[in-house]
């Protein structure tokens, strides 16, 4: 079984203003996805993608996709 965990980033057309503001702040890393990965049995393949380092450009076939993010990173 393959699981893909995605941490939603602000590196997109809607988060441009937030990027400038966040350069001057201390940003606490989101630990929810690493905690899930640590609790998952070792026979399950897990990949974590952090979109703050760039948007996803390639898609893989996985059984489960989990998406996590913060409210300030959404386009409302």
PDB file of N, CA and C in Angstrom:
ATOM      1  N   UNK A   1       0.854  -1.177   0.000  1.00  0.00           N
ATOM      2  CA  UNK A   1       0.000   0.000   0.000  1.00  0.00           C
ATOM      3  C   UNK A   1       0.898   1.238   0.000  1.00  0.00           C
ATOM      4  N   UNK A   2       0.493   2.247  -0.759  1.00  0.00           N
ATOM      5  CA  UNK A   2       1.219   3.511  -0.836  1.00  0.00           C
ATOM      6  C   UNK A   2       0.341   4.644  -0.306  1.00  0.00           C
ATOM      7  N   UNK A   3       0.944   5.497   0.505  1.00  0.00           N
ATOM      8  CA  UNK A   3       0.243   6.662   1.050  1.00  0.00           C
ATOM      9  C   UNK A   3       1.053   7.905   0.694  1.00  0.00           C
ATOM     10  N   UNK A   4       0.372   8.928   0.188  1.00  0.00           N
ATOM     11  CA  UNK A   4       0.989  10.205  -0.126  1.00  0.00           C
ATOM     12  C   UNK A   4       0.450  11.245   0.850  1.00  0.00           C
ATOM     13  N   UNK A   5       1.353  11.906   1.578  1.00  0.00           N
ATOM     14  CA  UNK A   5       0.987  12.959   2.520  1.00  0.00           C
ATOM     15  C   UNK A   5       1.457  14.289   1.944  1.00  0.00           C
ATOM     16  N   UNK A   6       0.536  15.246   1.799  1.00  0.00           N
ATOM     17  CA  UNK A   6       0.860  16.538   1.195  1.00  0.00           C
ATOM     18  C   UNK A   6       0.642  17.642   2.212  1.00  0.00           C
ATOM     19  N   UNK A   7       1.692  18.426   2.455  1.00  0.00           N
ATOM     20  CA  UNK A   7       1.591  19.621   3.284  1.00  0.00           C
ATOM     21  C   UNK A   7       1.391  20.796   2.322  1.00  0.00           C
ATOM     22  N   UNK A   8       0.216  21.397   2.360  1.00  0.00           N
ATOM     23  CA  UNK A   8      -0.123  22.478   1.437  1.00  0.00           C
ATOM     24  C   UNK A   8       0.756  23.686   1.727  1.00  0.00           C
ATOM     25  N   UNK A   9       1.292  24.271   0.681  1.00  0.00           N
ATOM     26  CA  UNK A   9       2.174  25.420   0.840  1.00  0.00           C
ATOM     27  C   UNK A   9       1.539  26.704   0.365  1.00  0.00           C
ATOM     28  N   UNK A  10       2.333  27.764   0.429  1.00  0.00           N
ATOM     29  CA  UNK A  10       1.852  29.067  -0.013  1.00  0.00           C
ATOM     30  C   UNK A  10       2.546  29.489  -1.300  1.00  0.00           C
ATOM     31  N   UNK A  11       3.223  28.556  -1.944  1.00  0.00           N
ATOM     32  CA  UNK A  11       3.937  28.864  -3.182  1.00  0.00           C
ATOM     33  C   UNK A  11       2.990  28.727  -4.369  1.00  0.00           C
ATOM     34  N   UNK A  12       1.992  29.602  -4.398  1.00  0.00           N
ATOM     35  CA  UNK A  12       1.042  29.589  -5.502  1.00  0.00           C
ATOM     36  C   UNK A  12       0.569  31.015  -5.770  1.00  0.00           C
ATOM     37  N   UNK A  13      -0.243  31.199  -6.783  1.00  0.00           N
ATOM     38  CA  UNK A  13      -0.649  32.546  -7.174  1.00  0.00           C
ATOM     39  C   UNK A  13      -1.485  33.252  -6.124  1.00  0.00           C
ATOM     40  N   UNK A  14      -2.127  32.498  -5.221  1.00  0.00           N
ATOM     41  CA  UNK A  14      -2.955  33.114  -4.193  1.00  0.00           C
ATOM     42  C   UNK A  14      -2.147  33.486  -2.961  1.00  0.00           C
ATOM     43  N   UNK A  15      -0.994  32.889  -2.756  1.00  0.00           N
ATOM     44  CA  UNK A  15      -0.225  33.126  -1.544  1.00  0.00           C
ATOM     45  C   UNK A  15       0.937  34.079  -1.704  1.00  0.00           C
ATOM     46  N   UNK A  16       1.011  34.798  -2.816  1.00  0.00           N
ATOM     47  CA  UNK A  16       2.144  35.687  -3.064  1.00  0.00           C
ATOM     48  C   UNK A  16       2.299  36.734  -1.966  1.00  0.00           C
ATOM     49  N   UNK A  17       1.233  37.336  -1.531  1.00  0.00           N
ATOM     50  CA  UNK A  17       1.313  38.340  -0.471  1.00  0.00           C
ATOM     51  C   UNK A  17       1.746  37.744   0.847  1.00  0.00           C
ATOM     52  N   UNK A  18       1.277  36.543   1.144  1.00  0.00           N
ATOM     53  CA  UNK A  18       1.656  35.878   2.390  1.00  0.00           C
ATOM     54  C   UNK A  18       3.135  35.542   2.410  1.00  0.00           C
ATOM     55  N   UNK A  19       3.697  35.215   1.275  1.00  0.00           N
ATOM     56  CA  UNK A  19       5.116  34.880   1.229  1.00  0.00           C
ATOM     57  C   UNK A  19       5.961  36.054   1.699  1.00  0.00           C
ATOM     58  N   UNK A  20       5.627  37.246   1.264  1.00  0.00           N
ATOM     59  CA  UNK A  20       6.399  38.429   1.659  1.00  0.00           C
ATOM     60  C   UNK A  20       6.274  38.689   3.157  1.00  0.00           C
ATOM     61  N   UNK A  21       5.064  38.548   3.689  1.00  0.00           N
ATOM     62  CA  UNK A  21       4.843  38.762   5.118  1.00  0.00           C
ATOM     63  C   UNK A  21       5.550  37.689   5.936  1.00  0.00           C
ATOM     64  N   UNK A  22       5.472  36.447   5.493  1.00  0.00           N
ATOM     65  CA  UNK A  22       6.040  35.343   6.255  1.00  0.00           C
ATOM     66  C   UNK A  22       7.567  35.323   6.260  1.00  0.00           C
ATOM     67  N   UNK A  23       8.209  36.061   5.359  1.00  0.00           N
ATOM     68  CA  UNK A  23       9.669  36.136   5.365  1.00  0.00           C
ATOM     69  C   UNK A  23      10.179  36.794   6.642  1.00  0.00           C
ATOM     70  N   UNK A  24       9.344  37.618   7.265  1.00  0.00           N
ATOM     71  CA  UNK A  24       9.752  38.341   8.466  1.00  0.00           C
ATOM     72  C   UNK A  24       9.250  37.681   9.744  1.00  0.00           C
ATOM     73  N   UNK A  25       8.602  36.539   9.658  1.00  0.00           N
ATOM     74  CA  UNK A  25       8.052  35.846  10.819  1.00  0.00           C
ATOM     75  C   UNK A  25       8.760  34.520  11.047  1.00  0.00           C
ATOM     76  N   UNK A  26       8.680  34.064  12.290  1.00  0.00           N
ATOM     77  CA  UNK A  26       9.144  32.714  12.579  1.00  0.00           C
ATOM     78  C   UNK A  26       7.964  31.786  12.319  1.00  0.00           C
ATOM     79  N   UNK A  27       8.144  30.859  11.413  1.00  0.00           N
ATOM     80  CA  UNK A  27       7.074  29.946  11.041  1.00  0.00           C
ATOM     81  C   UNK A  27       7.306  28.608  11.741  1.00  0.00           C
ATOM     82  N   UNK A  28       6.321  28.169  12.493  1.00  0.00           N
ATOM     83  CA  UNK A  28       6.392  26.876  13.167  1.00  0.00           C
ATOM     84  C   UNK A  28       6.056  25.783  12.162  1.00  0.00           C
ATOM     85  N   UNK A  29       6.901  24.776  12.031  1.00  0.00           N
ATOM     86  CA  UNK A  29       6.602  23.704  11.069  1.00  0.00           C
ATOM     87  C   UNK A  29       5.380  22.902  11.489  1.00  0.00           C
ATOM     88  N   UNK A  30       4.625  22.459  10.518  1.00  0.00           N
ATOM     89  CA  UNK A  30       3.467  21.605  10.791  1.00  0.00           C
ATOM     90  C   UNK A  30       3.972  20.179  10.994  1.00  0.00           C
ATOM     91  N   UNK A  31       3.619  19.573  12.106  1.00  0.00           N
ATOM     92  CA  UNK A  31       4.131  18.255  12.446  1.00  0.00           C
ATOM     93  C   UNK A  31       3.102  17.141  12.318  1.00  0.00           C
ATOM     94  N   UNK A  32       1.885  17.459  11.911  1.00  0.00           N
ATOM     95  CA  UNK A  32       0.833  16.449  11.820  1.00  0.00           C
ATOM     96  C   UNK A  32       1.180  15.311  10.883  1.00  0.00           C
ATOM     97  N   UNK A  33       1.674  15.627   9.691  1.00  0.00           N
ATOM     98  CA  UNK A  33       1.989  14.575   8.718  1.00  0.00           C
ATOM     99  C   UNK A  33       3.177  13.718   9.146  1.00  0.00           C
ATOM    100  N   UNK A  34       4.271  14.305   9.675  1.00  0.00           N
ATOM    101  CA  UNK A  34       5.341  13.442  10.176  1.00  0.00           C
ATOM    102  C   UNK A  34       4.892  12.540  11.329  1.00  0.00           C
ATOM    103  N   UNK A  35       3.998  13.037  12.189  1.00  0.00           N
ATOM    104  CA  UNK A  35       3.468  12.190  13.262  1.00  0.00           C
ATOM    105  C   UNK A  35       2.667  11.020  12.684  1.00  0.00           C
ATOM    106  N   UNK A  36       1.846  11.293  11.663  1.00  0.00           N
ATOM    107  CA  UNK A  36       1.103  10.202  11.023  1.00  0.00           C
ATOM    108  C   UNK A  36       2.052   9.177  10.406  1.00  0.00           C
ATOM    109  N   UNK A  37       3.093   9.667   9.755  1.00  0.00           N
ATOM    110  CA  UNK A  37       4.064   8.762   9.137  1.00  0.00           C
ATOM    111  C   UNK A  37       4.759   7.905  10.195  1.00  0.00           C
ATOM    112  N   UNK A  38       5.067   8.498  11.344  1.00  0.00           N
ATOM    113  CA  UNK A  38       5.743   7.758  12.405  1.00  0.00           C
ATOM    114  C   UNK A  38       4.850   6.674  13.007  1.00  0.00           C
ATOM    115  N   UNK A  39       3.543   6.893  12.992  1.00  0.00           N
ATOM    116  CA  UNK A  39       2.604   5.920  13.572  1.00  0.00           C
ATOM    117  C   UNK A  39       2.162   4.844  12.584  1.00  0.00           C
ATOM    118  N   UNK A  40       2.546   4.982  11.336  1.00  0.00           N
ATOM    119  CA  UNK A  40       2.135   4.032  10.297  1.00  0.00           C
ATOM    120  C   UNK A  40       3.040   2.802  10.323  1.00  0.00           C
ATOM    121  N   UNK A  41       2.472   1.623  10.164  1.00  0.00           N
ATOM    122  CA  UNK A  41       3.296   0.405  10.144  1.00  0.00           C
ATOM    123  C   UNK A  41       4.381   0.474   9.069  1.00  0.00           C
ATOM    124  N   UNK A  42       5.506  -0.158   9.344  1.00  0.00           N
ATOM    125  CA  UNK A  42       6.674  -0.055   8.462  1.00  0.00           C
ATOM    126  C   UNK A  42       6.491  -0.737   7.105  1.00  0.00           C
ATOM    127  N   UNK A  43       5.498  -1.606   6.950  1.00  0.00           N
ATOM    128  CA  UNK A  43       5.290  -2.281   5.666  1.00  0.00           C
ATOM    129  C   UNK A  43       4.500  -1.422   4.672  1.00  0.00           C
ATOM    130  N   UNK A  44       4.102  -0.218   5.079  1.00  0.00           N
ATOM    131  CA  UNK A  44       3.361   0.693   4.203  1.00  0.00           C
ATOM    132  C   UNK A  44       4.315   1.778   3.713  1.00  0.00           C
ATOM    133  N   UNK A  45       4.334   2.000   2.405  1.00  0.00           N
ATOM    134  CA  UNK A  45       5.211   3.010   1.804  1.00  0.00           C
ATOM    135  C   UNK A  45       4.574   4.389   1.947  1.00  0.00           C
ATOM    136  N   UNK A  46       5.334   5.337   2.503  1.00  0.00           N
ATOM    137  CA  UNK A  46       4.820   6.690   2.728  1.00  0.00           C
ATOM    138  C   UNK A  46       5.751   7.701   2.073  1.00  0.00           C
ATOM    139  N   UNK A  47       5.142   8.693   1.423  1.00  0.00           N
ATOM    140  CA  UNK A  47       5.908   9.799   0.850  1.00  0.00           C
ATOM    141  C   UNK A  47       5.267  11.093   1.331  1.00  0.00           C
ATOM    142  N   UNK A  48       6.094  12.018   1.820  1.00  0.00           N
ATOM    143  CA  UNK A  48       5.599  13.322   2.269  1.00  0.00           C
ATOM    144  C   UNK A  48       6.118  14.386   1.309  1.00  0.00           C
ATOM    145  N   UNK A  49       5.199  15.223   0.817  1.00  0.00           N
ATOM    146  CA  UNK A  49       5.564  16.333  -0.060  1.00  0.00           C
ATOM    147  C   UNK A  49       5.191  17.626   0.642  1.00  0.00           C
ATOM    148  N   UNK A  50       6.155  18.524   0.756  1.00  0.00           N
ATOM    149  CA  UNK A  50       5.925  19.826   1.362  1.00  0.00           C
ATOM    150  C   UNK A  50       5.863  20.858   0.237  1.00  0.00           C
ATOM    151  N   UNK A  51       4.684  21.394  -0.027  1.00  0.00           N
ATOM    152  CA  UNK A  51       4.505  22.308  -1.154  1.00  0.00           C
ATOM    153  C   UNK A  51       5.103  23.697  -0.918  1.00  0.00           C
ATOM    154  N   UNK A  52       5.583  23.994   0.275  1.00  0.00           N
ATOM    155  CA  UNK A  52       6.230  25.291   0.464  1.00  0.00           C
ATOM    156  C   UNK A  52       7.564  25.336  -0.275  1.00  0.00           C
ATOM    157  N   UNK A  53       8.061  24.180  -0.712  1.00  0.00           N
ATOM    158  CA  UNK A  53       9.290  24.119  -1.493  1.00  0.00           C
ATOM    159  C   UNK A  53       8.999  24.011  -2.983  1.00  0.00           C
ATOM    160  N   UNK A  54       7.746  24.154  -3.371  1.00  0.00           N
ATOM    161  CA  UNK A  54       7.349  24.076  -4.776  1.00  0.00           C
ATOM    162  C   UNK A  54       6.100  23.240  -4.928  1.00  0.00           C
ATOM    163  N   UNK A  55       5.286  23.617  -5.877  1.00  0.00           N
ATOM    164  CA  UNK A  55       4.042  22.898  -6.105  1.00  0.00           C
ATOM    165  C   UNK A  55       4.306  21.532  -6.726  1.00  0.00           C
ATOM    166  N   UNK A  56       3.381  20.613  -6.529  1.00  0.00           N
ATOM    167  CA  UNK A  56       3.515  19.265  -7.074  1.00  0.00           C
ATOM    168  C   UNK A  56       3.451  19.339  -8.598  1.00  0.00           C
ATOM    169  N   UNK A  57       4.442  18.755  -9.244  1.00  0.00           N
ATOM    170  CA  UNK A  57       4.472  18.766 -10.711  1.00  0.00           C
ATOM    171  C   UNK A  57       4.264  17.374 -11.295  1.00  0.00           C
ATOM    172  N   UNK A  58       4.522  16.342 -10.497  1.00  0.00           N
ATOM    173  CA  UNK A  58       4.338  14.967 -10.964  1.00  0.00           C
ATOM    174  C   UNK A  58       3.370  14.260 -10.028  1.00  0.00           C
ATOM    175  N   UNK A  59       2.528  13.450 -10.602  1.00  0.00           N
ATOM    176  CA  UNK A  59       1.547  12.718  -9.813  1.00  0.00           C
ATOM    177  C   UNK A  59       1.865  11.238  -9.869  1.00  0.00           C
ATOM    178  N   UNK A  60       1.721  10.598  -8.741  1.00  0.00           N
ATOM    179  CA  UNK A  60       1.978   9.169  -8.638  1.00  0.00           C
ATOM    180  C   UNK A  60       0.672   8.439  -8.350  1.00  0.00           C
ATOM    181  N   UNK A  61       0.669   7.159  -8.617  1.00  0.00           N
ATOM    182  CA  UNK A  61      -0.474   6.329  -8.248  1.00  0.00           C
ATOM    183  C   UNK A  61      -0.300   5.907  -6.797  1.00  0.00           C
ATOM    184  N   UNK A  62      -1.247   6.295  -5.951  1.00  0.00           N
ATOM    185  CA  UNK A  62      -1.208   5.920  -4.541  1.00  0.00           C
ATOM    186  C   UNK A  62      -2.580   5.401  -4.125  1.00  0.00           C
ATOM    187  N   UNK A  63      -2.606   4.721  -3.006  1.00  0.00           N
ATOM    188  CA  UNK A  63      -3.867   4.195  -2.492  1.00  0.00           C
ATOM    189  C   UNK A  63      -4.603   5.237  -1.651  1.00  0.00           C
ATOM    190  N   UNK A  64      -3.852   6.034  -0.911  1.00  0.00           N
ATOM    191  CA  UNK A  64      -4.445   7.046  -0.041  1.00  0.00           C
ATOM    192  C   UNK A  64      -3.670   8.345  -0.193  1.00  0.00           C
ATOM    193  N   UNK A  65      -4.379   9.473  -0.255  1.00  0.00           N
ATOM    194  CA  UNK A  65      -3.758  10.792  -0.275  1.00  0.00           C
ATOM    195  C   UNK A  65      -4.306  11.575   0.910  1.00  0.00           C
ATOM    196  N   UNK A  66      -3.413  12.117   1.721  1.00  0.00           N
ATOM    197  CA  UNK A  66      -3.791  12.955   2.863  1.00  0.00           C
ATOM    198  C   UNK A  66      -3.252  14.354   2.620  1.00  0.00           C
ATOM    199  N   UNK A  67      -4.101  15.345   2.821  1.00  0.00           N
ATOM    200  CA  UNK A  67      -3.712  16.739   2.622  1.00  0.00           C
ATOM    201  C   UNK A  67      -3.875  17.487   3.929  1.00  0.00           C
ATOM    202  N   UNK A  68      -2.858  18.224   4.306  1.00  0.00           N
ATOM    203  CA  UNK A  68      -2.903  18.993   5.547  1.00  0.00           C
ATOM    204  C   UNK A  68      -2.419  20.406   5.260  1.00  0.00           C
ATOM    205  N   UNK A  69      -2.965  21.355   5.957  1.00  0.00           N
ATOM    206  CA  UNK A  69      -2.544  22.731   5.771  1.00  0.00           C
ATOM    207  C   UNK A  69      -3.068  23.624   6.876  1.00  0.00           C
ATOM    208  N   UNK A  70      -2.762  24.887   6.760  1.00  0.00           N
ATOM    209  CA  UNK A  70      -3.228  25.870   7.721  1.00  0.00           C
ATOM    210  C   UNK A  70      -4.220  26.794   7.036  1.00  0.00           C
ATOM    211  N   UNK A  71      -5.134  27.341   7.784  1.00  0.00           N
ATOM    212  CA  UNK A  71      -6.180  28.202   7.235  1.00  0.00           C
ATOM    213  C   UNK A  71      -5.583  29.370   6.464  1.00  0.00           C
ATOM    214  N   UNK A  72      -4.480  29.933   6.954  1.00  0.00           N
ATOM    215  CA  UNK A  72      -3.887  31.105   6.278  1.00  0.00           C
ATOM    216  C   UNK A  72      -3.322  30.760   4.908  1.00  0.00           C
ATOM    217  N   UNK A  73      -3.157  29.478   4.592  1.00  0.00           N
ATOM    218  CA  UNK A  73      -2.644  29.071   3.293  1.00  0.00           C
ATOM    219  C   UNK A  73      -3.729  28.789   2.272  1.00  0.00           C
ATOM    220  N   UNK A  74      -4.986  28.920   2.663  1.00  0.00           N
ATOM    221  CA  UNK A  74      -6.081  28.616   1.738  1.00  0.00           C
ATOM    222  C   UNK A  74      -6.517  29.851   0.968  1.00  0.00           C
ATOM    223  N   UNK A  75      -7.161  29.618  -0.150  1.00  0.00           N
ATOM    224  CA  UNK A  75      -7.717  30.700  -0.949  1.00  0.00           C
ATOM    225  C   UNK A  75      -9.189  30.811  -0.599  1.00  0.00           C
ATOM    226  N   UNK A  76      -9.549  31.830   0.194  1.00  0.00           N
ATOM    227  CA  UNK A  76     -10.945  31.952   0.586  1.00  0.00           C
ATOM    228  C   UNK A  76     -11.668  33.026  -0.187  1.00  0.00           C
TER     229      UNK A  76
END
